């Protein structure tokens, strides 16, 4: 459906609804408007409507103005380009003045006014909605709300249901968020047959979400099929030590030519190419030829890296290109040397619109959970933010989102598994990407929590504290987080009871209260402070073997013994007492 017919369609639908018994109709006894269509000049200005209501009324939050951290729609009464003198009123007549600043183009919004359980509609348009033909660069620089017609090569397809993809015409790259099918319907992108490398002409309104420019719910006017298509490529990335990567492409032009991005030419080159001619048949008289291109990468002593390789095929009338990303593992971002959060964000920025070709490891601290982000058995995953120090900065240059990641062992979280908490040190293993300005996981799992890769002996959070074995494993793993350790006091160290001189105590913890005299089984709470993180004083309860105790603080290993550093940890629970 062409956009210039949208208004008549909406008004027609409203008039039709007025002949039914539905609550959402064009003219209501409870509320009437002096006019249902407002027009504001492109140069900016005002228009006014009088609302006559039989009861209290208010504009409803029906306008999508963005998405929150969990990618859910943020709703408001008005679009960001429009203001109103009031958004609600009492019974009787109320005059509402709408204002919009000057714009270069046209924009329109359907508003909803509620009174009781009834809804009235008001359409506000500024300027003309005729599409303006533009380059991608002109779209990027143009105003929100304006409708553009542009052409470009499909460089990547992000969603095959809604039709989210990128196009590039050589002047810039634009993100398409939603594509209508031939009948003007949503969620039917596959019916169009669009593939990477195709050249498309599209038309739709522009909006900006965060730092991403989008054309929304576009209509596809023309599809020029690509002369080249990727048939297959090596599934695994090239190891850090170096190796080969193979890509098979089909092409209908006069040959196919791979071009490695300039910044990757120092470590990646074409080793060999095998050409296979297509065999004509009655069904396909002009079959595609095939090329199998083998790339070779040198050894990598740095971070994981990627290279964009563009395959181009041309004939006498046109040329087509398709891009493949070749990945190579590196030392940073590996299990042995995970990325820090800052390093991960910097790496993801180099990917552009691509998802990393290989999994990377990222180490940081849980700063907060996303909305409804706690791990649960329904979906078996969780979503949380990570930072360098466990503080949430509300800054996409400092905050990384572990989005819908699975649990330890790359398994779905199930009832009985441990539960994360802010402050926990985590390592996430995942493919990663940039989504609307947010560096996040594409597909991954929690590799470790507070140094351990299983929650069988706890994970060191308040809800799931370590037992002695878990604390020993975490200490030897070198976790830097403050953790909870719970168990029974199995032995008081020499002169280890609390005393007023130092205010601390030293004792061993085990799961069942048995002292094993084995550094692999006995954890030492060394010079821990009392309840409330304070020194013990005369009159406070004394500890004894067999007491149930939970301590909180950092871990270390001294002469092979896993323990707490002196005066850095304290008791948070002693036989049920917390203060």
Protein backbone atom coordinates (compact mmCIF):
# COMPACT_ATOMS: atom_id res chain seq x y z
CA UNK A 1 0.00 0.00 0.00
CA UNK A 2 1.47 3.38 -0.99
CA UNK A 3 1.85 5.79 1.91
CA UNK A 4 -0.08 8.60 0.22
CA UNK A 5 -3.20 6.40 0.45
CA UNK A 6 -2.74 5.65 4.15
CA UNK A 7 -4.83 8.52 5.46
CA UNK A 8 -7.86 7.74 3.30
CA UNK A 9 -7.61 4.11 4.34
CA UNK A 10 -7.54 4.96 8.04
CA UNK A 11 -10.43 7.43 7.76
CA UNK A 12 -12.42 4.94 5.74
CA UNK A 13 -11.82 2.29 8.37
CA UNK A 14 -12.99 4.67 11.10
CA UNK A 15 -16.17 5.60 9.21
CA UNK A 16 -16.92 1.95 8.61
CA UNK A 17 -16.41 1.24 12.30
CA UNK A 18 -19.00 3.92 13.11
CA UNK A 19 -21.67 1.62 11.66
CA UNK A 20 -20.82 -1.19 14.09
CA UNK A 21 -21.27 -1.83 17.80
CA UNK A 22 -17.53 -1.85 18.49
CA UNK A 23 -16.26 0.45 21.27
CA UNK A 24 -13.51 1.82 18.97
CA UNK A 25 -15.50 4.01 16.56
CA UNK A 26 -15.23 7.33 14.75
CA UNK A 27 -18.04 9.28 16.44
CA UNK A 28 -19.04 8.58 20.04
CA UNK A 29 -21.85 9.83 22.22
CA UNK A 30 -19.42 10.22 25.12
CA UNK A 31 -16.88 12.30 23.17
CA UNK A 32 -16.88 14.31 19.96
CA UNK A 33 -14.22 16.34 18.17
CA UNK A 34 -14.60 19.57 16.23
CA UNK A 35 -12.47 17.84 13.59
CA UNK A 36 -10.72 14.48 13.34
CA UNK A 37 -7.88 15.63 11.09
CA UNK A 38 -5.37 18.36 11.93
CA UNK A 39 -2.87 19.83 9.49
CA UNK A 40 0.28 21.72 10.51
CA UNK A 41 2.42 23.45 7.86
CA UNK A 42 5.82 22.00 6.97
CA UNK A 43 7.39 25.26 8.18
CA UNK A 44 5.98 24.68 11.66
CA UNK A 45 2.92 26.05 13.46
CA UNK A 46 -0.23 25.16 15.34
CA UNK A 47 -3.66 23.63 14.80
CA UNK A 48 -6.52 23.37 17.26
CA UNK A 49 -9.26 20.87 18.07
CA UNK A 50 -12.16 21.23 20.51
CA UNK A 51 -12.98 18.13 22.54
CA UNK A 52 -16.55 17.84 23.88
CA UNK A 53 -16.75 15.01 26.42
CA UNK A 54 -19.44 13.69 28.73
CA UNK A 55 -16.84 12.61 31.32
CA UNK A 56 -13.15 12.94 32.11
CA UNK A 57 -10.97 12.19 29.09
CA UNK A 58 -7.26 11.70 28.37
CA UNK A 59 -4.94 10.96 25.46
CA UNK A 60 -3.85 7.32 25.65
CA UNK A 61 -0.26 6.10 25.54
CA UNK A 62 -0.50 4.52 22.10
CA UNK A 63 2.46 6.08 20.27
CA UNK A 64 5.74 4.13 20.10
CA UNK A 65 8.62 6.57 20.73
CA UNK A 66 11.44 4.05 21.24
CA UNK A 67 12.45 0.85 22.98
CA UNK A 68 13.70 0.23 26.51
CA UNK A 69 16.74 -1.79 27.59
CA UNK A 70 14.73 -5.00 27.14
CA UNK A 71 13.76 -3.97 23.59
CA UNK A 72 10.12 -3.43 24.58
CA UNK A 73 8.17 -0.54 23.07
CA UNK A 74 8.15 2.73 25.00
CA UNK A 75 4.69 4.29 24.63
CA UNK A 76 3.66 7.92 24.97
CA UNK A 77 0.59 10.05 24.28
CA UNK A 78 2.31 12.01 21.49
CA UNK A 79 5.25 11.55 19.14
CA UNK A 80 8.39 13.44 20.07
CA UNK A 81 7.88 16.02 17.30
CA UNK A 82 4.44 17.07 18.54
CA UNK A 83 3.30 18.98 21.66
CA UNK A 84 -0.19 19.70 23.03
CA UNK A 85 -1.50 22.36 25.40
CA UNK A 86 -3.08 19.62 27.53
CA UNK A 87 -3.29 15.84 27.49
CA UNK A 88 -6.40 15.40 29.65
CA UNK A 89 -9.55 17.22 30.70
CA UNK A 90 -12.87 17.12 32.50
CA UNK A 91 -16.40 16.78 31.17
CA UNK A 92 -17.43 19.61 28.88
CA UNK A 93 -15.60 21.45 26.13
CA UNK A 94 -11.80 21.69 26.09
CA UNK A 95 -9.71 23.39 23.44
CA UNK A 96 -6.39 21.63 22.69
CA UNK A 97 -3.67 23.40 20.72
CA UNK A 98 -1.09 21.23 18.94
CA UNK A 99 2.33 22.54 17.87
CA UNK A 100 5.14 21.19 15.70
CA UNK A 101 8.41 22.83 14.75
CA UNK A 102 9.51 23.16 11.14
CA UNK A 103 10.49 19.99 9.30
CA UNK A 104 11.86 19.13 5.88
CA UNK A 105 9.23 16.72 4.62
CA UNK A 106 6.05 15.19 5.97
CA UNK A 107 4.99 13.18 9.01
CA UNK A 108 1.72 11.90 10.44
CA UNK A 109 0.47 10.31 13.64
CA UNK A 110 -2.84 8.75 14.70
CA UNK A 111 -3.62 9.70 18.33
CA UNK A 112 -6.09 7.98 20.66
CA UNK A 113 -8.34 9.74 23.17
CA UNK A 114 -10.01 7.66 25.87
CA UNK A 115 -13.18 8.38 27.82
CA UNK A 116 -14.40 5.52 29.99
CA UNK A 117 -14.05 2.35 27.92
CA UNK A 118 -14.44 4.20 24.61
CA UNK A 119 -11.68 5.40 22.24
CA UNK A 120 -11.74 8.29 19.77
CA UNK A 121 -9.13 8.87 17.05
CA UNK A 122 -7.43 12.08 15.94
CA UNK A 123 -5.01 12.30 13.00
CA UNK A 124 -2.27 14.95 13.00
CA UNK A 125 -0.26 15.52 9.84
CA UNK A 126 2.56 17.96 9.17
CA UNK A 127 3.61 18.70 5.60
CA UNK A 128 3.29 16.24 2.72
CA UNK A 129 3.82 12.48 2.87
CA UNK A 130 4.96 12.20 -0.75
CA UNK A 131 8.16 10.14 -0.83
CA UNK A 132 11.38 11.97 -1.69
CA UNK A 133 13.97 10.10 -3.76
CA UNK A 134 17.29 10.15 -1.89
CA UNK A 135 20.62 8.42 -1.48
CA UNK A 136 21.36 6.54 1.72
CA UNK A 137 23.56 9.44 2.83
CA UNK A 138 20.66 11.85 2.32
CA UNK A 139 18.37 9.57 4.31
CA UNK A 140 20.89 9.47 7.15
CA UNK A 141 21.14 13.27 7.18
CA UNK A 142 17.42 13.95 6.70
CA UNK A 143 14.74 14.67 9.32
CA UNK A 144 12.72 12.03 11.16
CA UNK A 145 9.16 11.54 9.93
CA UNK A 146 10.00 12.26 6.29
CA UNK A 147 9.18 9.54 3.74
CA UNK A 148 12.04 8.50 1.48
CA UNK A 149 12.50 6.38 -1.61
CA UNK A 150 15.99 4.93 -1.89
CA UNK A 151 17.86 2.07 -3.53
CA UNK A 152 20.80 -0.01 -2.41
CA UNK A 153 22.35 -3.44 -2.07
CA UNK A 154 21.12 -5.68 0.74
CA UNK A 155 24.25 -6.19 2.84
CA UNK A 156 22.73 -8.15 5.73
CA UNK A 157 19.34 -9.50 6.82
CA UNK A 158 18.75 -9.27 10.59
CA UNK A 159 15.21 -10.68 10.80
CA UNK A 160 13.42 -12.79 8.18
CA UNK A 161 9.95 -12.51 9.74
CA UNK A 162 9.54 -8.75 10.10
CA UNK A 163 11.98 -7.95 7.31
CA UNK A 164 14.77 -6.10 9.09
CA UNK A 165 17.80 -5.60 6.86
CA UNK A 166 20.56 -3.21 5.82
CA UNK A 167 21.01 -1.53 2.44
CA UNK A 168 24.07 0.30 1.14
CA UNK A 169 24.31 2.39 -2.02
CA UNK A 170 27.95 3.39 -1.65
CA UNK A 171 27.11 6.70 0.05
CA UNK A 172 26.07 5.12 3.34
CA UNK A 173 24.16 2.29 4.98
CA UNK A 174 20.55 2.44 6.22
CA UNK A 175 18.75 -0.01 8.52
CA UNK A 176 15.27 -1.14 7.47
CA UNK A 177 13.04 -1.96 10.43
CA UNK A 178 10.03 -3.84 9.10
CA UNK A 179 9.00 -4.62 5.52
CA UNK A 180 5.47 -4.88 4.09
CA UNK A 181 4.65 -7.68 1.66
CA UNK A 182 3.02 -7.24 -1.75
CA UNK A 183 -0.40 -6.84 -0.07
CA UNK A 184 0.83 -4.29 2.46
CA UNK A 185 0.89 -6.79 5.33
CA UNK A 186 3.56 -7.22 8.01
CA UNK A 187 5.51 -10.32 9.11
CA UNK A 188 5.64 -11.89 5.64
CA UNK A 189 9.11 -10.90 4.50
CA UNK A 190 9.98 -14.34 3.13
CA UNK A 191 7.27 -13.99 0.46
CA UNK A 192 9.37 -11.28 -1.23
CA UNK A 193 12.36 -13.57 -1.81
CA UNK A 194 14.91 -10.90 -0.92
CA UNK A 195 18.46 -12.18 -0.35
CA UNK A 196 21.81 -10.68 0.54
CA UNK A 197 23.32 -9.06 -2.53
CA UNK A 198 19.98 -8.13 -4.12
CA UNK A 199 19.51 -4.50 -5.14
CA UNK A 200 16.18 -3.16 -3.85
CA UNK A 201 14.24 0.07 -4.17
CA UNK A 202 12.18 0.80 -1.07
CA UNK A 203 9.95 3.53 0.30
CA UNK A 204 9.12 4.38 3.91
CA UNK A 205 9.27 6.96 6.72
CA UNK A 206 12.49 7.68 8.60
CA UNK A 207 12.95 7.50 12.35
CA UNK A 208 15.98 7.45 14.64
CA UNK A 209 16.24 4.97 17.51
CA UNK A 210 19.18 5.79 19.75
CA UNK A 211 21.96 6.36 17.23
CA UNK A 212 20.45 4.10 14.56
CA UNK A 213 18.68 5.63 11.56
CA UNK A 214 15.80 3.45 10.39
CA UNK A 215 13.29 3.33 7.57
CA UNK A 216 10.18 1.76 9.09
CA UNK A 217 7.66 -0.64 7.54
CA UNK A 218 8.91 -0.01 4.04
CA UNK A 219 7.21 -0.88 0.78
CA UNK A 220 9.45 -2.71 -1.72
CA UNK A 221 9.08 -1.18 -5.18
CA UNK A 222 11.74 -3.13 -7.09
CA UNK A 223 14.03 -6.13 -6.57
CA UNK A 224 17.03 -6.73 -8.81
CA UNK A 225 18.35 -10.20 -8.08
CA UNK A 226 22.03 -10.51 -7.31
CA UNK A 227 24.43 -12.07 -9.81
CA UNK A 228 26.33 -13.69 -6.95
CA UNK A 229 25.21 -15.74 -3.96
CA UNK A 230 27.06 -17.44 -1.10
CA UNK A 231 26.26 -21.14 -1.18
CA UNK A 232 28.28 -22.24 1.84
CA UNK A 233 31.25 -21.33 4.01
CA UNK A 234 33.40 -22.99 6.63
CA UNK A 235 31.43 -23.27 9.89
CA UNK A 236 34.36 -22.87 12.28
CA UNK A 237 36.57 -19.82 12.58
CA UNK A 238 40.25 -19.96 11.74
CA UNK A 239 42.27 -20.88 14.84
CA UNK A 240 44.67 -18.35 16.35
CA UNK A 241 47.60 -20.41 15.08
CA UNK A 242 46.45 -19.80 11.50
CA UNK A 243 44.73 -21.92 8.90
CA UNK A 244 42.31 -21.96 5.98
CA UNK A 245 38.73 -20.83 5.42
CA UNK A 246 36.65 -21.87 2.41
CA UNK A 247 33.74 -20.04 0.75
CA UNK A 248 31.60 -21.45 -2.07
CA UNK A 249 29.74 -18.91 -4.23
CA UNK A 250 27.42 -19.22 -7.21
CA UNK A 251 27.55 -16.49 -9.86
CA UNK A 252 25.94 -15.59 -13.19
CA UNK A 253 28.26 -12.77 -14.25
CA UNK A 254 31.56 -12.90 -16.10
CA UNK A 255 33.53 -14.45 -13.27
CA UNK A 256 33.58 -13.67 -9.56
CA UNK A 257 36.20 -11.62 -7.75
CA UNK A 258 36.90 -11.70 -4.00
CA UNK A 259 38.19 -8.51 -2.36
CA UNK A 260 39.60 -8.62 1.17
CA UNK A 261 39.12 -5.48 3.28
CA UNK A 262 42.33 -3.44 3.24
CA UNK A 263 42.83 -3.59 7.00
CA UNK A 264 42.85 -7.43 6.89
CA UNK A 265 45.12 -7.93 3.90
CA UNK A 266 48.18 -8.17 6.15
CA UNK A 267 46.96 -11.44 7.70
CA UNK A 268 44.43 -12.93 5.22
CA UNK A 269 44.94 -13.80 1.55
CA UNK A 270 43.45 -15.99 -1.19
CA UNK A 271 45.28 -19.31 -1.32
CA UNK A 272 43.48 -20.84 -4.31
CA UNK A 273 40.26 -20.70 -6.35
CA UNK A 274 38.45 -23.57 -8.07
CA UNK A 275 35.91 -22.74 -10.81
CA UNK A 276 33.08 -25.14 -11.67
CA UNK A 277 30.94 -24.46 -14.75
CA UNK A 278 27.17 -24.79 -14.46
CA UNK A 279 25.44 -27.48 -16.54
CA UNK A 280 22.47 -26.22 -18.62
CA UNK A 281 19.22 -28.17 -18.50
CA UNK A 282 15.69 -27.87 -19.87
CA UNK A 283 14.59 -26.33 -16.58
CA UNK A 284 17.58 -24.01 -16.15
CA UNK A 285 19.09 -22.98 -19.45
CA UNK A 286 21.41 -20.44 -17.85
CA UNK A 287 22.68 -22.08 -14.67
CA UNK A 288 25.01 -20.35 -12.28
CA UNK A 289 28.69 -21.18 -12.29
CA UNK A 290 30.40 -21.94 -8.99
CA UNK A 291 33.66 -20.82 -7.42
CA UNK A 292 35.25 -22.37 -4.34
CA UNK A 293 37.65 -19.84 -2.83
CA UNK A 294 40.12 -20.89 -0.12
CA UNK A 295 41.57 -18.20 2.17
CA UNK A 296 44.61 -18.63 4.39
CA UNK A 297 45.25 -16.66 7.58
CA UNK A 298 48.54 -16.17 9.39
CA UNK A 299 48.89 -16.73 13.14
CA UNK A 300 47.17 -14.31 15.51
CA UNK A 301 48.77 -13.24 18.78
CA UNK A 302 46.21 -10.54 19.56
CA UNK A 303 42.47 -10.38 20.07
CA UNK A 304 39.97 -12.32 17.99
CA UNK A 305 39.64 -10.61 14.61
CA UNK A 306 37.39 -10.59 11.58
CA UNK A 307 37.77 -9.65 7.94
CA UNK A 308 35.09 -8.57 5.49
CA UNK A 309 35.45 -10.24 2.08
CA UNK A 310 33.35 -8.91 -0.80
CA UNK A 311 32.54 -11.16 -3.76
CA UNK A 312 31.60 -9.30 -6.96
CA UNK A 313 30.22 -10.59 -10.24
CA UNK A 314 29.32 -8.42 -13.25
CA UNK A 315 27.83 -8.65 -16.72
CA UNK A 316 27.37 -6.07 -19.47
CA UNK A 317 24.45 -4.34 -17.74
CA UNK A 318 24.95 -4.59 -14.00
CA UNK A 319 27.17 -5.68 -11.12
CA UNK A 320 26.37 -7.44 -7.86
CA UNK A 321 28.27 -7.93 -4.61
CA UNK A 322 27.83 -10.01 -1.50
CA UNK A 323 29.86 -9.83 1.69
CA UNK A 324 31.19 -12.63 3.92
CA UNK A 325 32.86 -12.18 7.29
CA UNK A 326 35.84 -14.41 8.02
CA UNK A 327 36.75 -14.80 11.68
CA UNK A 328 39.93 -15.83 13.43
CA UNK A 329 40.31 -16.62 17.10
CA UNK A 330 42.80 -14.62 19.13
CA UNK A 331 44.42 -14.57 22.52
CA UNK A 332 42.20 -11.88 24.01
CA UNK A 333 38.56 -12.84 24.13
CA UNK A 334 39.47 -16.46 24.74
CA UNK A 335 38.74 -18.67 27.71
CA UNK A 336 42.30 -18.22 28.95
CA UNK A 337 42.25 -14.42 28.55
CA UNK A 338 38.65 -13.15 28.39
CA UNK A 339 37.83 -9.70 27.18
CA UNK A 340 37.16 -7.12 29.85
CA UNK A 341 33.81 -5.39 29.42
CA UNK A 342 35.53 -2.34 27.93
CA UNK A 343 37.54 -4.51 25.52
CA UNK A 344 34.40 -6.41 24.49
CA UNK A 345 32.51 -3.20 23.72
CA UNK A 346 35.46 -1.89 21.70
CA UNK A 347 35.67 -5.16 19.77
CA UNK A 348 31.93 -5.21 19.05
CA UNK A 349 32.14 -1.70 17.64
CA UNK A 350 34.56 -3.01 15.00
CA UNK A 351 31.95 -5.51 13.80
CA UNK A 352 29.66 -2.85 12.38
CA UNK A 353 26.29 -4.46 11.70
CA UNK A 354 27.67 -8.01 11.89
CA UNK A 355 27.47 -10.65 14.57
CA UNK A 356 30.89 -11.96 15.54
CA UNK A 357 31.91 -14.98 13.51
CA UNK A 358 33.23 -16.70 16.63
CA UNK A 359 32.33 -16.99 20.28
CA UNK A 360 34.29 -14.77 22.64
CA UNK A 361 34.68 -14.79 26.41
CA UNK A 362 33.86 -11.65 28.39
CA UNK A 363 34.62 -11.14 32.06
CA UNK A 364 32.99 -8.55 34.28
CA UNK A 365 30.61 -7.98 37.15
CA UNK A 366 26.83 -8.15 37.16
CA UNK A 367 25.63 -4.57 37.65
CA UNK A 368 21.88 -5.11 37.42
CA UNK A 369 19.27 -7.36 35.86
CA UNK A 370 17.28 -6.28 32.84
CA UNK A 371 13.53 -6.04 33.41
CA UNK A 372 12.29 -9.58 34.15
CA UNK A 373 15.86 -10.69 33.54
CA UNK A 374 16.26 -13.13 36.45
CA UNK A 375 16.93 -16.68 35.32
CA UNK A 376 13.75 -18.73 35.30
CA UNK A 377 12.62 -22.20 34.32
CA UNK A 378 10.05 -20.97 31.78
CA UNK A 379 12.63 -19.92 29.19
CA UNK A 380 15.79 -21.21 30.85
CA UNK A 381 17.73 -17.99 30.29
CA UNK A 382 18.44 -14.63 31.87
CA UNK A 383 19.34 -11.08 30.88
CA UNK A 384 21.64 -8.82 32.86
CA UNK A 385 24.06 -5.94 32.51
CA UNK A 386 27.81 -6.23 33.09
CA UNK A 387 30.42 -3.59 33.79
CA UNK A 388 34.07 -3.36 34.82
CA UNK A 389 33.28 -2.68 38.49
CA UNK A 390 29.70 -3.87 39.03
CA UNK A 391 28.21 -0.38 38.76
CA UNK A 392 25.48 0.28 36.20
CA UNK A 393 26.50 3.43 34.33
CA UNK A 394 23.49 3.91 32.03
CA UNK A 395 26.13 4.41 29.35
CA UNK A 396 26.37 2.10 26.34
CA UNK A 397 30.11 2.79 26.16
CA UNK A 398 30.52 1.19 29.60
CA UNK A 399 27.61 -1.26 30.01
CA UNK A 400 27.46 -4.64 28.24
CA UNK A 401 24.25 -6.68 28.12
CA UNK A 402 24.22 -10.44 28.48
CA UNK A 403 20.93 -10.90 26.65
CA UNK A 404 18.93 -14.10 27.13
CA UNK A 405 21.97 -16.20 27.90
CA UNK A 406 21.76 -19.80 29.04
CA UNK A 407 23.15 -21.05 32.33
CA UNK A 408 26.42 -22.76 33.26
CA UNK A 409 27.45 -25.58 30.97
CA UNK A 410 25.45 -23.97 28.13
CA UNK A 411 22.32 -25.52 29.63
CA UNK A 412 18.91 -24.02 30.21
CA UNK A 413 18.47 -22.78 33.75
CA UNK A 414 16.20 -25.07 35.80
CA UNK A 415 14.64 -24.96 39.25
CA UNK A 416 17.34 -25.73 41.80
CA UNK A 417 20.12 -23.99 39.87
CA UNK A 418 21.93 -21.07 41.44
CA UNK A 419 20.71 -17.52 41.02
CA UNK A 420 22.91 -14.59 40.04
CA UNK A 421 23.03 -11.31 41.90
CA UNK A 422 24.55 -7.88 41.28
CA UNK A 423 28.24 -7.89 42.20
CA UNK A 424 28.85 -11.44 41.02
CA UNK A 425 31.90 -11.92 38.82
CA UNK A 426 30.85 -13.63 35.60
CA UNK A 427 32.45 -14.88 32.43
CA UNK A 428 30.07 -15.08 29.47
CA UNK A 429 30.82 -17.11 26.34
CA UNK A 430 28.88 -15.92 23.32
CA UNK A 431 28.76 -14.58 19.84
CA UNK A 432 28.28 -10.84 20.14
CA UNK A 433 26.81 -7.95 18.20
CA UNK A 434 25.74 -4.34 18.36
CA UNK A 435 21.96 -3.89 18.61
CA UNK A 436 20.61 -0.35 18.46
CA UNK A 437 23.76 0.98 20.06
CA UNK A 438 23.91 -1.70 22.78
CA UNK A 439 26.84 -4.13 22.85
CA UNK A 440 25.30 -7.48 23.73
CA UNK A 441 25.35 -11.22 23.30
CA UNK A 442 23.77 -12.72 20.20
CA UNK A 443 23.82 -16.34 21.36
CA UNK A 444 25.66 -17.50 24.47
CA UNK A 445 25.77 -18.74 28.01
CA UNK A 446 27.26 -18.03 31.42
CA UNK A 447 30.60 -19.83 31.43
CA UNK A 448 31.49 -19.17 35.08
CA UNK A 449 30.22 -17.36 38.18
CA UNK A 450 32.69 -16.18 40.79
CA UNK A 451 35.32 -18.51 39.34
CA UNK A 452 33.32 -21.74 39.15
CA UNK A 453 31.76 -23.42 36.11
CA UNK A 454 29.16 -25.47 38.02
CA UNK A 455 26.70 -24.53 40.75
CA UNK A 456 26.88 -27.95 42.43
CA UNK A 457 28.74 -26.36 45.36
CA UNK A 458 27.11 -22.94 45.17
CA UNK A 459 28.06 -19.83 43.23
CA UNK A 460 28.88 -17.45 46.07
CA UNK A 461 25.74 -15.29 46.01
CA UNK A 462 23.51 -14.63 49.00
CA UNK A 463 20.79 -16.85 47.55
CA UNK A 464 23.24 -19.60 46.55
CA UNK A 465 26.34 -19.33 48.78
CA UNK A 466 29.42 -21.47 48.29
CA UNK A 467 29.95 -24.46 50.53
CA UNK A 468 33.54 -25.20 51.53
CA UNK A 469 34.31 -27.08 48.31
CA UNK A 470 32.86 -24.30 46.16
CA UNK A 471 34.82 -21.63 48.03
CA UNK A 472 38.06 -23.61 47.63
CA UNK A 473 37.47 -23.98 43.89
CA UNK A 474 36.66 -20.26 43.54
CA UNK A 475 39.74 -19.22 45.51
CA UNK A 476 42.03 -21.34 43.35
CA UNK A 477 40.33 -19.96 40.23
CA UNK A 478 41.36 -16.50 41.37
CA UNK A 479 37.97 -14.82 41.59
CA UNK A 480 38.24 -11.20 42.71
CA UNK A 481 34.61 -10.90 43.80
CA UNK A 482 33.27 -10.69 47.33
CA UNK A 483 31.34 -13.91 47.88
CA UNK A 484 29.16 -15.71 50.41
CA UNK A 485 30.41 -18.96 52.00
CA UNK A 486 28.13 -21.05 54.23
CA UNK A 487 28.68 -24.20 56.31
CA UNK A 488 29.42 -25.50 59.78
CA UNK A 489 32.45 -24.56 61.85
CA UNK A 490 34.54 -27.72 61.81
CA UNK A 491 37.53 -26.46 63.81
CA UNK A 492 38.61 -23.32 65.64
CA UNK A 493 42.12 -22.31 64.57
CA UNK A 494 44.83 -21.91 67.23
CA UNK A 495 43.79 -18.92 69.37
CA UNK A 496 41.05 -18.46 66.81
CA UNK A 497 38.06 -17.48 68.93
CA UNK A 498 36.92 -13.89 68.96
CA UNK A 499 38.75 -11.65 71.41
CA UNK A 500 38.51 -7.99 72.30
CA UNK A 501 42.14 -7.26 71.39
CA UNK A 502 41.72 -7.81 67.64
CA UNK A 503 37.97 -8.24 67.30
CA UNK A 504 38.28 -11.08 64.78
CA UNK A 505 38.27 -14.89 64.67
CA UNK A 506 39.78 -17.71 62.60
CA UNK A 507 38.10 -21.06 62.00
CA UNK A 508 37.53 -23.78 59.39
CA UNK A 509 34.29 -24.48 57.55
CA UNK A 510 32.93 -27.69 56.04
CA UNK A 511 29.53 -28.78 54.80
CA UNK A 512 28.88 -31.26 57.63
CA UNK A 513 31.07 -29.90 60.42
CA UNK A 514 33.83 -32.48 59.91
CA UNK A 515 37.43 -31.29 59.82
CA UNK A 516 39.27 -33.36 57.18
CA UNK A 517 42.79 -31.95 57.67
CA UNK A 518 42.88 -31.70 53.88
CA UNK A 519 43.46 -28.44 52.01
CA UNK A 520 41.23 -29.75 49.22
CA UNK A 521 38.28 -30.00 51.65
CA UNK A 522 38.82 -27.52 54.51
CA UNK A 523 38.17 -23.82 53.94
CA UNK A 524 39.56 -21.30 56.45
CA UNK A 525 37.73 -18.19 57.53
CA UNK A 526 40.87 -16.27 58.51
CA UNK A 527 40.57 -13.29 60.86
CA UNK A 528 36.97 -12.53 59.95
CA UNK A 529 35.07 -9.73 61.64
CA UNK A 530 31.80 -10.08 63.53
CA UNK A 531 28.16 -9.60 62.51
CA UNK A 532 27.56 -6.21 60.96
CA UNK A 533 31.14 -6.10 59.63
CA UNK A 534 32.47 -4.80 62.92
CA UNK A 535 34.98 -5.91 65.51
CA UNK A 536 33.78 -8.34 68.18
CA UNK A 537 33.40 -6.86 71.68
CA UNK A 538 32.81 -8.33 75.12
CA UNK A 539 29.17 -9.38 75.46
CA UNK A 540 28.84 -10.55 71.85
CA UNK A 541 28.09 -14.26 71.30
CA UNK A 542 31.17 -16.45 70.89
CA UNK A 543 31.64 -19.03 68.13
CA UNK A 544 31.93 -22.79 68.67
CA UNK A 545 32.50 -25.88 66.60
CA UNK A 546 29.25 -27.06 65.02
CA UNK A 547 27.88 -23.52 64.62
CA UNK A 548 26.11 -22.73 61.36
CA UNK A 549 27.83 -19.75 59.82
CA UNK A 550 27.79 -17.66 56.64
CA UNK A 551 30.61 -15.28 55.87
CA UNK A 552 31.00 -12.61 53.19
CA UNK A 553 34.15 -11.21 51.62
CA UNK A 554 37.00 -11.84 49.17
CA UNK A 555 38.95 -15.10 48.79
CA UNK A 556 42.62 -15.89 48.45
CA UNK A 557 45.04 -18.83 48.57
CA UNK A 558 47.92 -18.77 51.06
CA UNK A 559 50.45 -21.61 51.08
CA UNK A 560 47.91 -23.83 49.37
CA UNK A 561 45.09 -23.04 51.83
CA UNK A 562 41.93 -21.43 50.46
CA UNK A 563 40.89 -18.70 52.90
CA UNK A 564 39.70 -15.15 53.41
CA UNK A 565 42.30 -12.34 53.62
CA UNK A 566 42.72 -11.04 57.19
CA UNK A 567 40.07 -8.51 58.33
CA UNK A 568 38.52 -8.34 54.84
CA UNK A 569 35.55 -10.66 55.42
CA UNK A 570 32.88 -10.81 58.10
CA UNK A 571 30.11 -13.03 59.46
CA UNK A 572 26.68 -12.27 58.03
CA UNK A 573 24.79 -15.10 59.73
CA UNK A 574 25.61 -17.01 62.91
CA UNK A 575 23.12 -19.72 63.87
CA UNK A 576 20.34 -17.69 62.29
CA UNK A 577 21.38 -14.35 63.77
CA UNK A 578 22.22 -11.58 61.31
CA UNK A 579 23.03 -8.75 63.73
